[in-house]
Amino acid sequence: MLAFISKAPEAAKIYVDELLECPFETIRRIAIYAIDQHYQKLDELIKQVLVEPYFTSNFRHELWHLLHNHYPQFSELEKVVVRKTIIGLVETSENNLQSEGASAYERAIWLKAINEYGDDESELYQECINIIGGEPEHPDFSSYMTVGWVDHKSPIPEDDLLSMEVDILVKRLESYKDLGNFREPGLEGLTKALRAGSESWASSVLYALT
C-alpha cells in the first residue's frame, strides 16, 4: 500500500479514507500507519484520527508514533484538539470511580509523544508525571515488561497468511477476537504480519474487507 500511495497519492487518499471507515481495528490501524508513513500526501485525513476512540491502547502504537512524528506539522486547531482529547481521557477504578493516578498515567503516555513540541504540551506532561511520581513507561508498554521486549506473533502464521485464499483470510479476520493475553499471539502481531505482506496481496485483502 505504501508504494501505491507514492505512485498515486490522490487515489490513495480516497482508499485510505475508506480504510478508516472499516469496522475492523486491524485495518484502521494499517490506515493510521499509512498516514504516519506518508503524512505529506495524506495529511488531509488527520482530522479523522484525532478523535477519542483512537486514543486507546488498541491504537496506541500507530497513533502515538503518528503524533510524535508529525505533531509540529499540525495546524493550531488540530493541536488544540489533540491536547483537549488527551486531557479528557479518564480511567476508572473497579468501583467505576475516576482514578486520578491511572488517568494521569494514561494522559502522560500520550503527552510523552508531544511534550517536546511546546510549552503547553510540556506543562501538561509535567502535571501528569507529578501526579504519578515519574515518567510513564515506553509508549509501547504493551510490548514491554521487566523481562524484556516481546516479539509479537500473529495468531495466523505469516506463511499461512500469505498463502491463504483472500476470501478465506477475510472470513478469518472477520471472526478473529483478540483475547489480549500477554506473550500470546494477538492483534499486534496480526497487524504487523498484514503490513509485511506484498503490495498486491495486501491490496486484495484490504479491498475485500472494505
N, C-alpha and C. Protein backbone atom coordinates (compact mmCIF):
# COMPACT_ATOMS: atom_id res chain seq x y z
N MET A 1 0.82 -1.21 0.00
CA MET A 1 0.00 0.00 0.00
C MET A 1 0.85 1.26 0.00
N LEU A 2 2.00 1.22 0.69
CA LEU A 2 2.85 2.41 0.76
C LEU A 2 3.36 2.80 -0.62
N ALA A 3 3.68 1.80 -1.45
CA ALA A 3 4.14 2.10 -2.80
C ALA A 3 3.00 2.71 -3.62
N PHE A 4 1.79 2.22 -3.41
CA PHE A 4 0.62 2.76 -4.10
C PHE A 4 0.42 4.23 -3.74
N ILE A 5 0.63 4.59 -2.48
CA ILE A 5 0.49 5.97 -2.03
C ILE A 5 1.50 6.86 -2.73
N SER A 6 2.70 6.37 -2.87
CA SER A 6 3.75 7.15 -3.53
C SER A 6 3.45 7.38 -5.01
N LYS A 7 2.90 6.36 -5.66
CA LYS A 7 2.64 6.44 -7.10
C LYS A 7 1.37 7.21 -7.43
N ALA A 8 0.34 7.05 -6.61
CA ALA A 8 -0.96 7.67 -6.91
C ALA A 8 -1.55 8.27 -5.64
N PRO A 9 -1.00 9.36 -5.15
CA PRO A 9 -1.42 9.92 -3.85
C PRO A 9 -2.90 10.31 -3.77
N GLU A 10 -3.46 10.84 -4.83
CA GLU A 10 -4.86 11.26 -4.78
C GLU A 10 -5.80 10.05 -4.68
N ALA A 11 -5.53 9.03 -5.48
CA ALA A 11 -6.34 7.81 -5.41
C ALA A 11 -6.13 7.12 -4.07
N ALA A 12 -4.89 7.15 -3.59
CA ALA A 12 -4.57 6.52 -2.31
C ALA A 12 -5.27 7.21 -1.16
N LYS A 13 -5.42 8.52 -1.26
CA LYS A 13 -6.09 9.27 -0.20
C LYS A 13 -7.54 8.80 -0.05
N ILE A 14 -8.20 8.58 -1.18
CA ILE A 14 -9.58 8.08 -1.16
C ILE A 14 -9.62 6.68 -0.55
N TYR A 15 -8.64 5.88 -0.94
CA TYR A 15 -8.57 4.49 -0.48
C TYR A 15 -8.34 4.42 1.02
N VAL A 16 -7.37 5.17 1.53
CA VAL A 16 -7.07 5.16 2.97
C VAL A 16 -8.25 5.73 3.76
N ASP A 17 -8.91 6.70 3.19
CA ASP A 17 -10.12 7.26 3.82
C ASP A 17 -11.16 6.17 4.01
N GLU A 18 -11.31 5.32 3.01
CA GLU A 18 -12.25 4.21 3.11
C GLU A 18 -11.82 3.20 4.16
N LEU A 19 -10.51 2.98 4.27
CA LEU A 19 -10.00 2.04 5.27
C LEU A 19 -10.33 2.51 6.69
N LEU A 20 -10.32 3.82 6.89
CA LEU A 20 -10.63 4.36 8.22
C LEU A 20 -12.09 4.14 8.60
N GLU A 21 -12.92 3.82 7.63
CA GLU A 21 -14.33 3.54 7.89
C GLU A 21 -14.58 2.05 8.11
N CYS A 22 -13.54 1.25 7.94
CA CYS A 22 -13.68 -0.20 8.08
C CYS A 22 -13.98 -0.56 9.54
N PRO A 23 -14.87 -1.51 9.79
CA PRO A 23 -15.20 -1.88 11.18
C PRO A 23 -14.10 -2.65 11.89
N PHE A 24 -13.11 -3.15 11.14
CA PHE A 24 -12.06 -3.96 11.75
C PHE A 24 -10.90 -3.10 12.21
N GLU A 25 -10.55 -3.23 13.50
CA GLU A 25 -9.47 -2.43 14.07
C GLU A 25 -8.16 -2.64 13.33
N THR A 26 -7.87 -3.85 12.94
CA THR A 26 -6.61 -4.15 12.26
C THR A 26 -6.45 -3.29 11.01
N ILE A 27 -7.50 -3.14 10.24
CA ILE A 27 -7.45 -2.37 9.01
C ILE A 27 -7.29 -0.89 9.31
N ARG A 28 -8.00 -0.40 10.32
CA ARG A 28 -7.86 1.02 10.67
C ARG A 28 -6.47 1.33 11.21
N ARG A 29 -5.87 0.38 11.91
CA ARG A 29 -4.51 0.57 12.39
C ARG A 29 -3.53 0.69 11.21
N ILE A 30 -3.76 -0.11 10.19
CA ILE A 30 -2.92 -0.03 9.00
C ILE A 30 -3.10 1.32 8.31
N ALA A 31 -4.33 1.83 8.32
CA ALA A 31 -4.60 3.14 7.71
C ALA A 31 -3.85 4.24 8.47
N ILE A 32 -3.87 4.18 9.81
CA ILE A 32 -3.15 5.18 10.61
C ILE A 32 -1.65 5.08 10.36
N TYR A 33 -1.17 3.86 10.25
CA TYR A 33 0.25 3.65 9.94
C TYR A 33 0.61 4.26 8.59
N ALA A 34 -0.28 4.12 7.62
CA ALA A 34 -0.04 4.69 6.28
C ALA A 34 0.01 6.21 6.34
N ILE A 35 -0.88 6.82 7.13
CA ILE A 35 -0.86 8.28 7.27
C ILE A 35 0.45 8.74 7.89
N ASP A 36 0.92 7.99 8.87
CA ASP A 36 2.20 8.32 9.51
C ASP A 36 3.35 8.24 8.51
N GLN A 37 3.37 7.19 7.72
CA GLN A 37 4.47 6.98 6.77
C GLN A 37 4.44 7.94 5.60
N HIS A 38 3.26 8.40 5.22
CA HIS A 38 3.12 9.32 4.08
C HIS A 38 2.28 10.54 4.48
N TYR A 39 2.70 11.18 5.56
CA TYR A 39 1.90 12.28 6.10
C TYR A 39 1.73 13.42 5.10
N GLN A 40 2.77 13.76 4.38
CA GLN A 40 2.68 14.88 3.44
C GLN A 40 1.61 14.65 2.39
N LYS A 41 1.39 13.40 2.02
CA LYS A 41 0.40 13.09 0.98
C LYS A 41 -0.99 12.82 1.57
N LEU A 42 -1.04 12.45 2.86
CA LEU A 42 -2.33 12.06 3.46
C LEU A 42 -2.74 12.95 4.63
N ASP A 43 -2.11 14.11 4.76
CA ASP A 43 -2.37 14.95 5.93
C ASP A 43 -3.81 15.42 6.04
N GLU A 44 -4.54 15.44 4.93
CA GLU A 44 -5.95 15.88 4.99
C GLU A 44 -6.82 14.89 5.78
N LEU A 45 -6.30 13.68 6.00
CA LEU A 45 -7.08 12.67 6.72
C LEU A 45 -6.85 12.72 8.23
N ILE A 46 -5.94 13.59 8.68
CA ILE A 46 -5.56 13.58 10.08
C ILE A 46 -6.73 13.88 11.01
N LYS A 47 -7.66 14.73 10.59
CA LYS A 47 -8.79 15.08 11.45
C LYS A 47 -9.61 13.85 11.82
N GLN A 48 -9.62 12.86 10.96
CA GLN A 48 -10.44 11.67 11.21
C GLN A 48 -9.87 10.77 12.30
N VAL A 49 -8.59 10.90 12.57
CA VAL A 49 -7.99 10.04 13.60
C VAL A 49 -7.75 10.77 14.91
N LEU A 50 -7.94 12.09 14.91
CA LEU A 50 -7.76 12.86 16.14
C LEU A 50 -9.05 12.90 16.94
N VAL A 51 -9.58 11.72 17.22
CA VAL A 51 -10.82 11.59 17.98
C VAL A 51 -10.61 10.58 19.10
N GLU A 52 -11.35 10.73 20.17
CA GLU A 52 -11.11 9.94 21.38
C GLU A 52 -11.08 8.43 21.17
N PRO A 53 -11.95 7.84 20.33
CA PRO A 53 -11.92 6.38 20.18
C PRO A 53 -10.56 5.83 19.74
N TYR A 54 -9.73 6.66 19.12
CA TYR A 54 -8.41 6.19 18.71
C TYR A 54 -7.35 6.35 19.80
N PHE A 55 -7.66 7.14 20.82
CA PHE A 55 -6.72 7.34 21.92
C PHE A 55 -6.91 6.24 22.97
N THR A 56 -6.74 5.00 22.52
CA THR A 56 -6.89 3.83 23.38
C THR A 56 -5.70 2.91 23.15
N SER A 57 -5.56 1.92 24.01
CA SER A 57 -4.42 1.01 23.90
C SER A 57 -4.41 0.24 22.58
N ASN A 58 -5.59 -0.03 22.02
CA ASN A 58 -5.65 -0.81 20.78
C ASN A 58 -5.01 -0.09 19.60
N PHE A 59 -5.04 1.24 19.62
CA PHE A 59 -4.49 2.02 18.52
C PHE A 59 -3.22 2.78 18.94
N ARG A 60 -2.75 2.52 20.15
CA ARG A 60 -1.67 3.33 20.71
C ARG A 60 -0.40 3.31 19.86
N HIS A 61 0.00 2.14 19.43
CA HIS A 61 1.27 2.05 18.70
C HIS A 61 1.28 2.96 17.49
N GLU A 62 0.27 2.84 16.63
CA GLU A 62 0.25 3.61 15.39
C GLU A 62 -0.01 5.10 15.64
N LEU A 63 -0.99 5.42 16.50
CA LEU A 63 -1.33 6.82 16.70
C LEU A 63 -0.25 7.56 17.49
N TRP A 64 0.35 6.91 18.48
CA TRP A 64 1.41 7.57 19.26
C TRP A 64 2.55 7.99 18.34
N HIS A 65 2.97 7.09 17.47
CA HIS A 65 4.07 7.41 16.57
C HIS A 65 3.68 8.46 15.53
N LEU A 66 2.42 8.45 15.11
CA LEU A 66 1.94 9.50 14.21
C LEU A 66 2.02 10.86 14.88
N LEU A 67 1.58 10.94 16.14
CA LEU A 67 1.66 12.20 16.88
C LEU A 67 3.11 12.63 17.08
N HIS A 68 3.93 11.69 17.49
CA HIS A 68 5.34 12.01 17.77
C HIS A 68 6.08 12.48 16.52
N ASN A 69 5.76 11.89 15.40
CA ASN A 69 6.47 12.21 14.15
C ASN A 69 5.96 13.47 13.47
N HIS A 70 4.68 13.82 13.67
CA HIS A 70 4.11 14.87 12.84
C HIS A 70 3.36 15.98 13.58
N TYR A 71 3.29 15.91 14.90
CA TYR A 71 2.58 16.94 15.66
C TYR A 71 3.02 18.37 15.29
N PRO A 72 4.31 18.63 15.10
CA PRO A 72 4.72 20.00 14.75
C PRO A 72 4.11 20.49 13.44
N GLN A 73 3.68 19.57 12.59
CA GLN A 73 3.10 19.95 11.30
C GLN A 73 1.59 20.16 11.38
N PHE A 74 0.99 19.85 12.53
CA PHE A 74 -0.45 20.04 12.68
C PHE A 74 -0.78 21.53 12.71
N SER A 75 -2.00 21.86 12.33
CA SER A 75 -2.47 23.24 12.47
C SER A 75 -2.68 23.52 13.96
N GLU A 76 -2.81 24.79 14.31
CA GLU A 76 -3.02 25.13 15.71
C GLU A 76 -4.33 24.53 16.24
N LEU A 77 -5.36 24.51 15.40
CA LEU A 77 -6.63 23.92 15.80
C LEU A 77 -6.48 22.42 16.06
N GLU A 78 -5.74 21.74 15.19
CA GLU A 78 -5.52 20.30 15.37
C GLU A 78 -4.74 20.03 16.65
N LYS A 79 -3.77 20.89 16.97
CA LYS A 79 -3.01 20.72 18.21
C LYS A 79 -3.91 20.89 19.43
N VAL A 80 -4.82 21.86 19.36
CA VAL A 80 -5.76 22.08 20.46
C VAL A 80 -6.65 20.84 20.64
N VAL A 81 -7.10 20.27 19.53
CA VAL A 81 -7.94 19.07 19.58
C VAL A 81 -7.19 17.93 20.26
N VAL A 82 -5.92 17.76 19.90
CA VAL A 82 -5.11 16.70 20.50
C VAL A 82 -4.99 16.90 22.00
N ARG A 83 -4.65 18.11 22.42
CA ARG A 83 -4.46 18.37 23.84
C ARG A 83 -5.76 18.17 24.62
N LYS A 84 -6.86 18.69 24.08
CA LYS A 84 -8.15 18.54 24.77
C LYS A 84 -8.57 17.07 24.86
N THR A 85 -8.31 16.33 23.81
CA THR A 85 -8.67 14.90 23.81
C THR A 85 -7.88 14.16 24.87
N ILE A 86 -6.58 14.43 24.94
CA ILE A 86 -5.73 13.75 25.93
C ILE A 86 -6.14 14.14 27.34
N ILE A 87 -6.37 15.42 27.58
CA ILE A 87 -6.77 15.89 28.91
C ILE A 87 -8.09 15.25 29.35
N GLY A 88 -8.92 14.94 28.37
CA GLY A 88 -10.23 14.37 28.68
C GLY A 88 -10.23 12.87 28.92
N LEU A 89 -9.08 12.21 28.76
CA LEU A 89 -9.02 10.77 28.98
C LEU A 89 -9.17 10.45 30.47
N VAL A 90 -10.05 9.53 30.77
CA VAL A 90 -10.34 9.18 32.16
C VAL A 90 -10.29 7.67 32.34
N GLU A 91 -9.58 7.24 33.37
CA GLU A 91 -9.53 5.83 33.75
C GLU A 91 -10.32 5.66 35.05
N THR A 92 -11.06 4.58 35.16
CA THR A 92 -11.87 4.36 36.35
C THR A 92 -11.38 3.15 37.14
N SER A 93 -11.73 3.13 38.41
CA SER A 93 -11.36 2.03 39.30
C SER A 93 -12.38 0.91 39.16
N GLU A 94 -12.18 -0.16 39.93
CA GLU A 94 -13.12 -1.28 39.90
C GLU A 94 -14.51 -0.86 40.38
N ASN A 95 -14.55 0.20 41.19
CA ASN A 95 -15.83 0.72 41.68
C ASN A 95 -16.45 1.73 40.73
N ASN A 96 -15.86 1.81 39.53
CA ASN A 96 -16.34 2.73 38.50
C ASN A 96 -16.19 4.20 38.90
N LEU A 97 -15.21 4.47 39.75
CA LEU A 97 -14.90 5.83 40.15
C LEU A 97 -13.64 6.29 39.43
N GLN A 98 -13.57 7.57 39.10
CA GLN A 98 -12.41 8.08 38.39
C GLN A 98 -11.15 7.90 39.23
N SER A 99 -10.12 7.37 38.62
CA SER A 99 -8.84 7.17 39.29
C SER A 99 -7.88 8.27 38.84
N GLU A 100 -7.50 9.14 39.75
CA GLU A 100 -6.62 10.24 39.38
C GLU A 100 -5.27 9.74 38.89
N GLY A 101 -4.70 8.78 39.59
CA GLY A 101 -3.39 8.26 39.21
C GLY A 101 -3.40 7.56 37.86
N ALA A 102 -4.39 6.67 37.67
CA ALA A 102 -4.48 5.92 36.41
C ALA A 102 -4.78 6.86 35.25
N SER A 103 -5.62 7.86 35.48
CA SER A 103 -5.95 8.82 34.43
C SER A 103 -4.72 9.64 34.05
N ALA A 104 -3.96 10.07 35.07
CA ALA A 104 -2.75 10.84 34.81
C ALA A 104 -1.73 10.01 34.06
N TYR A 105 -1.65 8.73 34.39
CA TYR A 105 -0.69 7.84 33.71
C TYR A 105 -1.06 7.69 32.23
N GLU A 106 -2.36 7.46 31.97
CA GLU A 106 -2.81 7.31 30.58
C GLU A 106 -2.55 8.58 29.79
N ARG A 107 -2.84 9.73 30.39
CA ARG A 107 -2.59 11.00 29.71
C ARG A 107 -1.10 11.21 29.46
N ALA A 108 -0.29 10.83 30.46
CA ALA A 108 1.16 11.02 30.33
C ALA A 108 1.74 10.21 29.18
N ILE A 109 1.20 9.02 28.95
CA ILE A 109 1.68 8.20 27.83
C ILE A 109 1.52 8.95 26.51
N TRP A 110 0.33 9.55 26.31
CA TRP A 110 0.06 10.26 25.07
C TRP A 110 0.82 11.59 25.01
N LEU A 111 0.89 12.28 26.15
CA LEU A 111 1.60 13.57 26.17
C LEU A 111 3.09 13.38 25.94
N LYS A 112 3.60 12.22 26.26
CA LYS A 112 5.02 11.92 26.03
C LYS A 112 5.36 12.04 24.54
N ALA A 113 4.36 11.81 23.69
CA ALA A 113 4.58 11.89 22.25
C ALA A 113 4.80 13.32 21.77
N ILE A 114 4.27 14.29 22.54
CA ILE A 114 4.27 15.68 22.05
C ILE A 114 4.87 16.68 23.03
N ASN A 115 5.35 16.21 24.18
CA ASN A 115 5.75 17.14 25.24
C ASN A 115 6.93 18.03 24.88
N GLU A 116 7.70 17.65 23.87
CA GLU A 116 8.88 18.43 23.48
C GLU A 116 8.54 19.50 22.44
N TYR A 117 7.26 19.61 22.06
CA TYR A 117 6.90 20.48 20.95
C TYR A 117 6.24 21.80 21.36
N GLY A 118 6.25 22.12 22.63
CA GLY A 118 5.66 23.40 23.04
C GLY A 118 5.53 23.52 24.54
N ASP A 119 5.38 24.73 25.02
CA ASP A 119 5.27 24.97 26.46
C ASP A 119 3.99 24.38 27.03
N ASP A 120 2.88 24.52 26.31
CA ASP A 120 1.61 23.98 26.80
C ASP A 120 1.70 22.46 26.95
N GLU A 121 2.26 21.82 25.94
CA GLU A 121 2.39 20.37 25.96
C GLU A 121 3.31 19.92 27.10
N SER A 122 4.41 20.63 27.27
CA SER A 122 5.38 20.29 28.32
C SER A 122 4.77 20.47 29.70
N GLU A 123 3.99 21.54 29.88
CA GLU A 123 3.37 21.81 31.17
C GLU A 123 2.34 20.74 31.52
N LEU A 124 1.53 20.34 30.55
CA LEU A 124 0.54 19.30 30.79
C LEU A 124 1.22 17.98 31.15
N TYR A 125 2.30 17.67 30.46
CA TYR A 125 3.04 16.44 30.72
C TYR A 125 3.63 16.46 32.13
N GLN A 126 4.21 17.59 32.51
CA GLN A 126 4.80 17.72 33.83
C GLN A 126 3.76 17.56 34.93
N GLU A 127 2.56 18.10 34.72
CA GLU A 127 1.49 17.96 35.70
C GLU A 127 1.14 16.49 35.91
N CYS A 128 1.13 15.74 34.84
CA CYS A 128 0.79 14.31 34.93
C CYS A 128 1.88 13.52 35.65
N ILE A 129 3.13 13.77 35.30
CA ILE A 129 4.19 12.98 35.94
C ILE A 129 4.37 13.39 37.40
N ASN A 130 3.96 14.61 37.75
CA ASN A 130 3.98 14.99 39.17
C ASN A 130 2.97 14.17 39.96
N ILE A 131 1.84 13.87 39.33
CA ILE A 131 0.80 13.08 39.99
C ILE A 131 1.24 11.63 40.14
N ILE A 132 1.84 11.07 39.08
CA ILE A 132 2.19 9.64 39.12
C ILE A 132 3.57 9.39 39.70
N GLY A 133 4.32 10.47 39.94
CA GLY A 133 5.62 10.32 40.60
C GLY A 133 6.75 9.89 39.70
N GLY A 134 6.61 10.08 38.43
CA GLY A 134 7.67 9.72 37.49
C GLY A 134 7.14 9.62 36.08
N GLU A 135 8.04 9.40 35.13
CA GLU A 135 7.61 9.31 33.73
C GLU A 135 7.00 7.94 33.44
N PRO A 136 6.08 7.90 32.48
CA PRO A 136 5.46 6.62 32.11
C PRO A 136 6.47 5.75 31.37
N GLU A 137 6.14 4.47 31.27
CA GLU A 137 6.98 3.55 30.50
C GLU A 137 6.93 3.92 29.02
N HIS A 138 7.74 3.24 28.27
CA HIS A 138 7.74 3.44 26.82
C HIS A 138 6.30 3.35 26.31
N PRO A 139 5.91 4.18 25.35
CA PRO A 139 4.52 4.16 24.86
C PRO A 139 4.06 2.81 24.33
N ASP A 140 4.98 1.98 23.94
CA ASP A 140 4.62 0.63 23.50
C ASP A 140 4.68 -0.32 24.70
N PHE A 141 4.22 0.15 25.87
CA PHE A 141 4.35 -0.63 27.10
C PHE A 141 3.70 -1.99 26.99
N SER A 142 2.66 -2.10 26.16
CA SER A 142 2.02 -3.40 25.99
C SER A 142 2.99 -4.40 25.41
N SER A 143 4.11 -3.89 24.87
CA SER A 143 5.11 -4.76 24.28
C SER A 143 6.30 -4.98 25.21
N TYR A 144 6.27 -4.37 26.40
CA TYR A 144 7.46 -4.39 27.23
C TYR A 144 7.11 -4.76 28.68
N MET A 145 7.93 -5.62 29.26
CA MET A 145 7.83 -5.95 30.67
C MET A 145 9.27 -6.02 31.19
N THR A 146 9.44 -6.24 32.48
CA THR A 146 10.79 -6.25 33.03
C THR A 146 11.64 -7.36 32.44
N VAL A 147 11.01 -8.37 31.89
CA VAL A 147 11.78 -9.46 31.29
C VAL A 147 12.31 -9.08 29.92
N GLY A 148 11.86 -7.95 29.37
CA GLY A 148 12.39 -7.51 28.08
C GLY A 148 11.33 -7.35 27.03
N TRP A 149 11.78 -6.98 25.84
CA TRP A 149 10.85 -6.74 24.73
C TRP A 149 10.26 -8.04 24.22
N VAL A 150 9.02 -7.94 23.79
CA VAL A 150 8.30 -9.10 23.28
C VAL A 150 8.19 -9.02 21.77
N ASP A 151 8.51 -10.10 21.10
CA ASP A 151 8.36 -10.17 19.65
C ASP A 151 6.94 -10.63 19.36
N HIS A 152 6.09 -9.70 18.93
CA HIS A 152 4.68 -10.03 18.73
C HIS A 152 4.50 -11.06 17.61
N LYS A 153 3.72 -12.08 17.90
CA LYS A 153 3.44 -13.13 16.93
C LYS A 153 2.00 -13.01 16.43
N SER A 154 1.83 -13.34 15.17
CA SER A 154 0.49 -13.33 14.60
C SER A 154 -0.24 -14.62 14.97
N PRO A 155 -1.54 -14.54 15.32
CA PRO A 155 -2.30 -15.77 15.60
C PRO A 155 -2.45 -16.63 14.35
N ILE A 156 -2.27 -16.01 13.20
CA ILE A 156 -2.22 -16.76 11.94
C ILE A 156 -0.78 -16.68 11.45
N PRO A 157 -0.04 -17.79 11.42
CA PRO A 157 1.36 -17.74 10.98
C PRO A 157 1.52 -16.98 9.67
N GLU A 158 2.59 -16.20 9.57
CA GLU A 158 2.76 -15.32 8.41
C GLU A 158 2.75 -16.10 7.10
N ASP A 159 3.40 -17.27 7.07
CA ASP A 159 3.42 -18.07 5.83
C ASP A 159 2.00 -18.50 5.44
N ASP A 160 1.21 -18.89 6.44
CA ASP A 160 -0.17 -19.28 6.17
C ASP A 160 -0.99 -18.07 5.70
N LEU A 161 -0.71 -16.93 6.30
CA LEU A 161 -1.40 -15.70 5.96
C LEU A 161 -1.21 -15.37 4.48
N LEU A 162 0.03 -15.48 4.03
CA LEU A 162 0.37 -15.10 2.66
C LEU A 162 -0.11 -16.12 1.63
N SER A 163 -0.27 -17.37 2.05
CA SER A 163 -0.68 -18.41 1.10
C SER A 163 -2.19 -18.64 1.10
N MET A 164 -2.89 -18.06 2.06
CA MET A 164 -4.32 -18.28 2.19
C MET A 164 -5.11 -17.54 1.10
N GLU A 165 -6.15 -18.18 0.59
CA GLU A 165 -7.03 -17.52 -0.36
C GLU A 165 -7.65 -16.29 0.31
N VAL A 166 -7.77 -15.21 -0.46
CA VAL A 166 -8.24 -13.95 0.11
C VAL A 166 -9.59 -14.08 0.78
N ASP A 167 -10.55 -14.78 0.15
CA ASP A 167 -11.88 -14.88 0.74
C ASP A 167 -11.86 -15.66 2.05
N ILE A 168 -10.98 -16.67 2.14
CA ILE A 168 -10.86 -17.44 3.38
C ILE A 168 -10.22 -16.59 4.47
N LEU A 169 -9.18 -15.84 4.09
CA LEU A 169 -8.50 -14.97 5.04
C LEU A 169 -9.45 -13.90 5.58
N VAL A 170 -10.26 -13.34 4.70
CA VAL A 170 -11.21 -12.31 5.11
C VAL A 170 -12.16 -12.86 6.17
N LYS A 171 -12.64 -14.08 5.96
CA LYS A 171 -13.54 -14.69 6.94
C LYS A 171 -12.83 -14.89 8.27
N ARG A 172 -11.54 -15.28 8.22
CA ARG A 172 -10.76 -15.46 9.46
C ARG A 172 -10.62 -14.13 10.19
N LEU A 173 -10.35 -13.07 9.44
CA LEU A 173 -10.17 -11.75 10.05
C LEU A 173 -11.47 -11.23 10.63
N GLU A 174 -12.57 -11.50 9.94
CA GLU A 174 -13.87 -11.03 10.40
C GLU A 174 -14.28 -11.71 11.71
N SER A 175 -13.87 -12.95 11.86
CA SER A 175 -14.27 -13.71 13.06
C SER A 175 -13.24 -13.65 14.17
N TYR A 176 -12.07 -13.05 13.91
CA TYR A 176 -11.00 -13.05 14.90
C TYR A 176 -11.31 -12.16 16.10
N LYS A 177 -11.08 -12.66 17.28
CA LYS A 177 -11.24 -11.91 18.52
C LYS A 177 -9.92 -11.95 19.28
N ASP A 178 -9.40 -10.77 19.60
CA ASP A 178 -8.14 -10.70 20.33
C ASP A 178 -8.41 -10.82 21.82
N LEU A 179 -7.82 -11.82 22.47
CA LEU A 179 -8.04 -12.04 23.90
C LEU A 179 -7.15 -11.14 24.75
N GLY A 180 -6.13 -10.54 24.12
CA GLY A 180 -5.28 -9.59 24.83
C GLY A 180 -4.37 -10.23 25.87
N ASN A 181 -4.06 -11.52 25.73
CA ASN A 181 -3.19 -12.20 26.70
C ASN A 181 -1.73 -11.90 26.42
N PHE A 182 -1.00 -11.51 27.47
CA PHE A 182 0.40 -11.16 27.32
C PHE A 182 1.22 -12.35 26.83
N ARG A 183 2.14 -12.06 25.91
CA ARG A 183 3.07 -13.04 25.33
C ARG A 183 2.40 -14.07 24.42
N GLU A 184 1.11 -13.96 24.21
CA GLU A 184 0.44 -14.87 23.30
C GLU A 184 0.15 -14.15 21.98
N PRO A 185 0.06 -14.90 20.86
CA PRO A 185 -0.25 -14.26 19.58
C PRO A 185 -1.51 -13.42 19.68
N GLY A 186 -1.50 -12.25 19.04
CA GLY A 186 -2.66 -11.38 19.14
C GLY A 186 -2.72 -10.35 18.04
N LEU A 187 -3.52 -9.32 18.28
CA LEU A 187 -3.80 -8.30 17.28
C LEU A 187 -2.54 -7.57 16.83
N GLU A 188 -1.62 -7.29 17.78
CA GLU A 188 -0.39 -6.58 17.43
C GLU A 188 0.41 -7.35 16.38
N GLY A 189 0.55 -8.66 16.60
CA GLY A 189 1.29 -9.49 15.65
C GLY A 189 0.57 -9.64 14.32
N LEU A 190 -0.76 -9.73 14.39
CA LEU A 190 -1.55 -9.85 13.17
C LEU A 190 -1.42 -8.61 12.31
N THR A 191 -1.48 -7.44 12.93
CA THR A 191 -1.32 -6.18 12.19
C THR A 191 0.05 -6.10 11.56
N LYS A 192 1.06 -6.49 12.32
CA LYS A 192 2.44 -6.48 11.83
C LYS A 192 2.60 -7.40 10.62
N ALA A 193 1.99 -8.58 10.68
CA ALA A 193 2.08 -9.53 9.58
C ALA A 193 1.37 -9.02 8.34
N LEU A 194 0.22 -8.38 8.52
CA LEU A 194 -0.51 -7.82 7.38
C LEU A 194 0.29 -6.71 6.71
N ARG A 195 0.97 -5.90 7.52
CA ARG A 195 1.77 -4.81 6.95
C ARG A 195 2.96 -5.36 6.16
N ALA A 196 3.40 -6.57 6.53
CA ALA A 196 4.59 -7.14 5.90
C ALA A 196 4.28 -7.80 4.56
N GLY A 197 3.00 -7.99 4.27
CA GLY A 197 2.62 -8.67 3.03
C GLY A 197 2.98 -7.87 1.79
N SER A 198 3.00 -8.55 0.65
CA SER A 198 3.32 -7.88 -0.60
C SER A 198 2.25 -6.87 -0.95
N GLU A 199 2.59 -5.92 -1.83
CA GLU A 199 1.67 -4.84 -2.19
C GLU A 199 0.38 -5.38 -2.81
N SER A 200 0.50 -6.26 -3.79
CA SER A 200 -0.69 -6.76 -4.47
C SER A 200 -1.54 -7.60 -3.54
N TRP A 201 -0.89 -8.44 -2.73
CA TRP A 201 -1.61 -9.28 -1.76
C TRP A 201 -2.36 -8.43 -0.75
N ALA A 202 -1.67 -7.46 -0.16
CA ALA A 202 -2.28 -6.61 0.85
C ALA A 202 -3.45 -5.83 0.27
N SER A 203 -3.28 -5.33 -0.94
CA SER A 203 -4.35 -4.55 -1.58
C SER A 203 -5.59 -5.41 -1.79
N SER A 204 -5.37 -6.68 -2.17
CA SER A 204 -6.50 -7.60 -2.39
C SER A 204 -7.26 -7.85 -1.09
N VAL A 205 -6.51 -8.02 -0.01
CA VAL A 205 -7.13 -8.27 1.30
C VAL A 205 -7.90 -7.04 1.76
N LEU A 206 -7.25 -5.89 1.68
CA LEU A 206 -7.88 -4.65 2.13
C LEU A 206 -9.12 -4.33 1.32
N TYR A 207 -9.06 -4.57 0.01
CA TYR A 207 -10.21 -4.31 -0.86
C TYR A 207 -11.38 -5.21 -0.47
N ALA A 208 -11.09 -6.47 -0.16
CA ALA A 208 -12.15 -7.40 0.19
C ALA A 208 -12.79 -7.07 1.53
N LEU A 209 -12.03 -6.42 2.40
CA LEU A 209 -12.55 -6.10 3.73
C LEU A 209 -13.33 -4.80 3.76
N THR A 210 -13.20 -3.98 2.73
CA THR A 210 -13.84 -2.66 2.75
C THR A 210 -15.02 -2.62 1.78
